[in-house]
Amino acid sequence: MGTLANGDLRHKRILAHRALEHLQQSRHMEKWEVYIWLQAKLGLNDQQAHIGMFSDGMCDEVIRLCYKALSLIHTSEPTRLLSIS
């Protein structure tokens, strides 16, 4: 599932997937849990929350949200993870 992408967008989608995987591993989350988190953060439904469908800007937002959440984890504020916007 996804849309055609040039090399730059493909690379950005790979980075977005890696950011989600890093968050998932750091928070000991199941894959479905990290996607539920992503849906809530981006205001998407389950049909829309596929990185293969994301634009360059959406991938940037995924990466930003993941690293913001990860920075809270490393500063001992993991309870604020769900409220990150």
N, C-alpha and C. Protein backbone atom coordinates (compact mmCIF):
# COMPACT_ATOMS: atom_id res chain seq x y z
N MET A 1 0.85 -1.17 0.00
CA MET A 1 0.00 0.00 0.00
C MET A 1 0.89 1.23 0.00
N GLY A 2 0.56 2.17 -0.84
CA GLY A 2 1.31 3.41 -0.88
C GLY A 2 1.20 4.07 -2.23
N THR A 3 1.83 5.22 -2.34
CA THR A 3 1.85 5.96 -3.59
C THR A 3 3.26 5.94 -4.15
N LEU A 4 3.37 6.19 -5.44
CA LEU A 4 4.69 6.27 -6.05
C LEU A 4 5.47 7.42 -5.45
N ALA A 5 6.76 7.21 -5.31
CA ALA A 5 7.60 8.24 -4.71
C ALA A 5 8.93 8.30 -5.44
N ASN A 6 9.45 9.53 -5.58
CA ASN A 6 10.79 9.66 -6.14
C ASN A 6 11.80 9.28 -5.06
N GLY A 7 13.06 9.33 -5.39
CA GLY A 7 14.10 8.90 -4.45
C GLY A 7 14.10 9.68 -3.15
N ASP A 8 13.88 10.98 -3.21
CA ASP A 8 13.88 11.81 -2.00
C ASP A 8 12.74 11.43 -1.07
N LEU A 9 11.54 11.25 -1.63
CA LEU A 9 10.39 10.90 -0.81
C LEU A 9 10.53 9.49 -0.24
N ARG A 10 11.06 8.57 -1.04
CA ARG A 10 11.31 7.21 -0.54
C ARG A 10 12.24 7.25 0.67
N HIS A 11 13.30 8.04 0.56
CA HIS A 11 14.24 8.17 1.66
C HIS A 11 13.56 8.77 2.89
N LYS A 12 12.73 9.78 2.70
CA LYS A 12 12.03 10.42 3.82
C LYS A 12 11.08 9.42 4.48
N ARG A 13 10.41 8.59 3.70
CA ARG A 13 9.52 7.58 4.27
C ARG A 13 10.30 6.54 5.07
N ILE A 14 11.47 6.19 4.60
CA ILE A 14 12.33 5.27 5.35
C ILE A 14 12.71 5.88 6.69
N LEU A 15 13.06 7.17 6.68
CA LEU A 15 13.42 7.85 7.92
C LEU A 15 12.23 7.92 8.88
N ALA A 16 11.04 8.15 8.34
CA ALA A 16 9.84 8.19 9.19
C ALA A 16 9.58 6.83 9.82
N HIS A 17 9.72 5.76 9.04
CA HIS A 17 9.56 4.41 9.59
C HIS A 17 10.59 4.14 10.69
N ARG A 18 11.82 4.54 10.45
CA ARG A 18 12.87 4.33 11.45
C ARG A 18 12.58 5.10 12.73
N ALA A 19 12.09 6.33 12.61
CA ALA A 19 11.75 7.13 13.79
C ALA A 19 10.65 6.44 14.59
N LEU A 20 9.63 5.92 13.90
CA LEU A 20 8.56 5.20 14.59
C LEU A 20 9.08 3.94 15.27
N GLU A 21 9.95 3.21 14.58
CA GLU A 21 10.52 1.99 15.16
C GLU A 21 11.35 2.31 16.39
N HIS A 22 12.10 3.40 16.33
CA HIS A 22 12.92 3.81 17.48
C HIS A 22 12.03 4.15 18.67
N LEU A 23 10.96 4.88 18.42
CA LEU A 23 10.01 5.21 19.48
C LEU A 23 9.38 3.94 20.04
N GLN A 24 8.97 3.06 19.15
CA GLN A 24 8.34 1.80 19.56
C GLN A 24 9.27 1.00 20.48
N GLN A 25 10.53 0.89 20.10
CA GLN A 25 11.48 0.12 20.90
C GLN A 25 11.79 0.82 22.23
N SER A 26 11.92 2.14 22.19
CA SER A 26 12.25 2.89 23.41
C SER A 26 11.12 2.84 24.43
N ARG A 27 9.89 2.80 23.95
CA ARG A 27 8.73 2.78 24.85
C ARG A 27 8.20 1.36 25.08
N HIS A 28 8.87 0.37 24.48
CA HIS A 28 8.43 -1.04 24.61
C HIS A 28 6.96 -1.17 24.18
N MET A 29 6.66 -0.59 23.03
CA MET A 29 5.30 -0.60 22.50
C MET A 29 5.18 -1.69 21.43
N GLU A 30 3.97 -2.16 21.24
CA GLU A 30 3.67 -3.02 20.11
C GLU A 30 3.53 -2.11 18.88
N LYS A 31 3.70 -2.69 17.70
CA LYS A 31 3.62 -1.89 16.48
C LYS A 31 2.26 -1.19 16.37
N TRP A 32 1.19 -1.90 16.69
CA TRP A 32 -0.14 -1.29 16.58
C TRP A 32 -0.29 -0.11 17.54
N GLU A 33 0.37 -0.19 18.70
CA GLU A 33 0.27 0.90 19.67
C GLU A 33 0.93 2.17 19.16
N VAL A 34 2.07 2.03 18.50
CA VAL A 34 2.75 3.22 17.99
C VAL A 34 1.93 3.85 16.85
N TYR A 35 1.22 3.02 16.09
CA TYR A 35 0.38 3.58 15.03
C TYR A 35 -0.89 4.22 15.59
N ILE A 36 -1.42 3.72 16.67
CA ILE A 36 -2.55 4.38 17.34
C ILE A 36 -2.09 5.74 17.86
N TRP A 37 -0.90 5.79 18.46
CA TRP A 37 -0.31 7.05 18.94
C TRP A 37 -0.17 8.03 17.78
N LEU A 38 0.37 7.53 16.65
CA LEU A 38 0.56 8.39 15.47
C LEU A 38 -0.77 8.92 14.96
N GLN A 39 -1.78 8.06 14.90
CA GLN A 39 -3.10 8.49 14.46
C GLN A 39 -3.63 9.61 15.34
N ALA A 40 -3.47 9.47 16.64
CA ALA A 40 -3.95 10.49 17.57
C ALA A 40 -3.19 11.80 17.38
N LYS A 41 -1.90 11.72 17.19
CA LYS A 41 -1.07 12.92 17.04
C LYS A 41 -1.40 13.67 15.75
N LEU A 42 -1.67 12.92 14.67
CA LEU A 42 -1.90 13.55 13.37
C LEU A 42 -3.39 13.72 13.04
N GLY A 43 -4.26 13.23 13.90
CA GLY A 43 -5.69 13.34 13.63
C GLY A 43 -6.13 12.51 12.43
N LEU A 44 -5.55 11.33 12.30
CA LEU A 44 -5.86 10.44 11.17
C LEU A 44 -6.63 9.23 11.63
N ASN A 45 -7.34 8.60 10.71
CA ASN A 45 -7.95 7.31 11.02
C ASN A 45 -7.00 6.20 10.59
N ASP A 46 -7.37 4.97 10.87
CA ASP A 46 -6.46 3.86 10.57
C ASP A 46 -6.20 3.68 9.08
N GLN A 47 -7.12 4.11 8.24
CA GLN A 47 -6.93 4.00 6.79
C GLN A 47 -5.94 5.05 6.27
N GLN A 48 -5.83 6.16 6.97
CA GLN A 48 -4.96 7.25 6.54
C GLN A 48 -3.54 7.15 7.11
N ALA A 49 -3.36 6.36 8.14
CA ALA A 49 -2.08 6.32 8.86
C ALA A 49 -1.12 5.29 8.27
N HIS A 50 -0.76 5.48 7.03
CA HIS A 50 0.21 4.62 6.35
C HIS A 50 1.30 5.50 5.78
N ILE A 51 2.52 5.32 6.25
CA ILE A 51 3.62 6.16 5.82
C ILE A 51 3.81 6.09 4.31
N GLY A 52 3.47 4.97 3.70
CA GLY A 52 3.57 4.84 2.25
C GLY A 52 2.65 5.79 1.49
N MET A 53 1.72 6.40 2.20
CA MET A 53 0.80 7.37 1.59
C MET A 53 1.19 8.81 1.92
N PHE A 54 2.18 8.99 2.80
CA PHE A 54 2.51 10.31 3.31
C PHE A 54 3.35 11.12 2.32
N SER A 55 3.13 12.42 2.37
CA SER A 55 3.93 13.37 1.60
C SER A 55 5.23 13.64 2.35
N ASP A 56 6.09 14.40 1.72
CA ASP A 56 7.35 14.81 2.35
C ASP A 56 7.08 15.54 3.67
N GLY A 57 6.12 16.46 3.66
CA GLY A 57 5.80 17.22 4.86
C GLY A 57 5.24 16.36 5.98
N MET A 58 4.41 15.40 5.64
CA MET A 58 3.86 14.49 6.66
C MET A 58 4.97 13.63 7.26
N CYS A 59 5.90 13.18 6.43
CA CYS A 59 7.03 12.41 6.95
C CYS A 59 7.85 13.25 7.91
N ASP A 60 8.08 14.52 7.56
CA ASP A 60 8.80 15.42 8.46
C ASP A 60 8.08 15.54 9.80
N GLU A 61 6.75 15.63 9.76
CA GLU A 61 5.97 15.75 10.99
C GLU A 61 6.07 14.48 11.84
N VAL A 62 6.02 13.32 11.21
CA VAL A 62 6.17 12.05 11.93
C VAL A 62 7.53 12.02 12.63
N ILE A 63 8.57 12.37 11.91
CA ILE A 63 9.92 12.37 12.46
C ILE A 63 10.01 13.35 13.64
N ARG A 64 9.45 14.54 13.47
CA ARG A 64 9.48 15.55 14.52
C ARG A 64 8.76 15.06 15.78
N LEU A 65 7.57 14.51 15.60
CA LEU A 65 6.80 14.01 16.74
C LEU A 65 7.53 12.88 17.46
N CYS A 66 8.10 11.97 16.70
CA CYS A 66 8.81 10.85 17.32
C CYS A 66 10.00 11.33 18.13
N TYR A 67 10.79 12.23 17.56
CA TYR A 67 11.97 12.68 18.29
C TYR A 67 11.62 13.60 19.45
N LYS A 68 10.52 14.30 19.35
CA LYS A 68 10.05 15.08 20.49
C LYS A 68 9.64 14.13 21.62
N ALA A 69 8.91 13.07 21.28
CA ALA A 69 8.51 12.07 22.28
C ALA A 69 9.73 11.39 22.87
N LEU A 70 10.71 11.08 22.04
CA LEU A 70 11.93 10.44 22.54
C LEU A 70 12.71 11.36 23.45
N SER A 71 12.71 12.65 23.18
CA SER A 71 13.43 13.57 24.05
C SER A 71 12.77 13.64 25.42
N LEU A 72 11.44 13.51 25.48
CA LEU A 72 10.75 13.48 26.76
C LEU A 72 11.07 12.20 27.53
N ILE A 73 11.21 11.11 26.82
CA ILE A 73 11.56 9.84 27.45
C ILE A 73 12.93 9.97 28.13
N HIS A 74 13.86 10.60 27.43
CA HIS A 74 15.22 10.70 27.96
C HIS A 74 15.36 11.77 29.03
N THR A 75 14.32 12.60 29.21
CA THR A 75 14.36 13.59 30.29
C THR A 75 13.44 13.18 31.43
N SER A 76 13.10 11.90 31.47
CA SER A 76 12.28 11.33 32.54
C SER A 76 10.87 11.90 32.59
N GLU A 77 10.29 12.18 31.44
CA GLU A 77 8.92 12.66 31.38
C GLU A 77 8.05 11.77 30.48
N PRO A 78 8.16 10.45 30.55
CA PRO A 78 7.41 9.59 29.64
C PRO A 78 5.90 9.68 29.80
N THR A 79 5.41 10.14 30.94
CA THR A 79 3.97 10.22 31.12
C THR A 79 3.36 11.31 30.25
N ARG A 80 4.17 12.22 29.76
CA ARG A 80 3.67 13.28 28.88
C ARG A 80 3.64 12.85 27.42
N LEU A 81 4.05 11.64 27.12
CA LEU A 81 4.16 11.16 25.74
C LEU A 81 2.88 11.35 24.96
N LEU A 82 1.73 11.00 25.51
CA LEU A 82 0.48 11.07 24.77
C LEU A 82 -0.01 12.49 24.56
N SER A 83 0.49 13.45 25.31
CA SER A 83 0.01 14.82 25.17
C SER A 83 0.88 15.65 24.23
N ILE A 84 1.88 15.06 23.63
CA ILE A 84 2.78 15.80 22.74
C ILE A 84 2.03 16.22 21.48
N SER A 85 2.17 17.46 21.11
CA SER A 85 1.55 17.91 19.86
C SER A 85 2.53 18.66 19.03
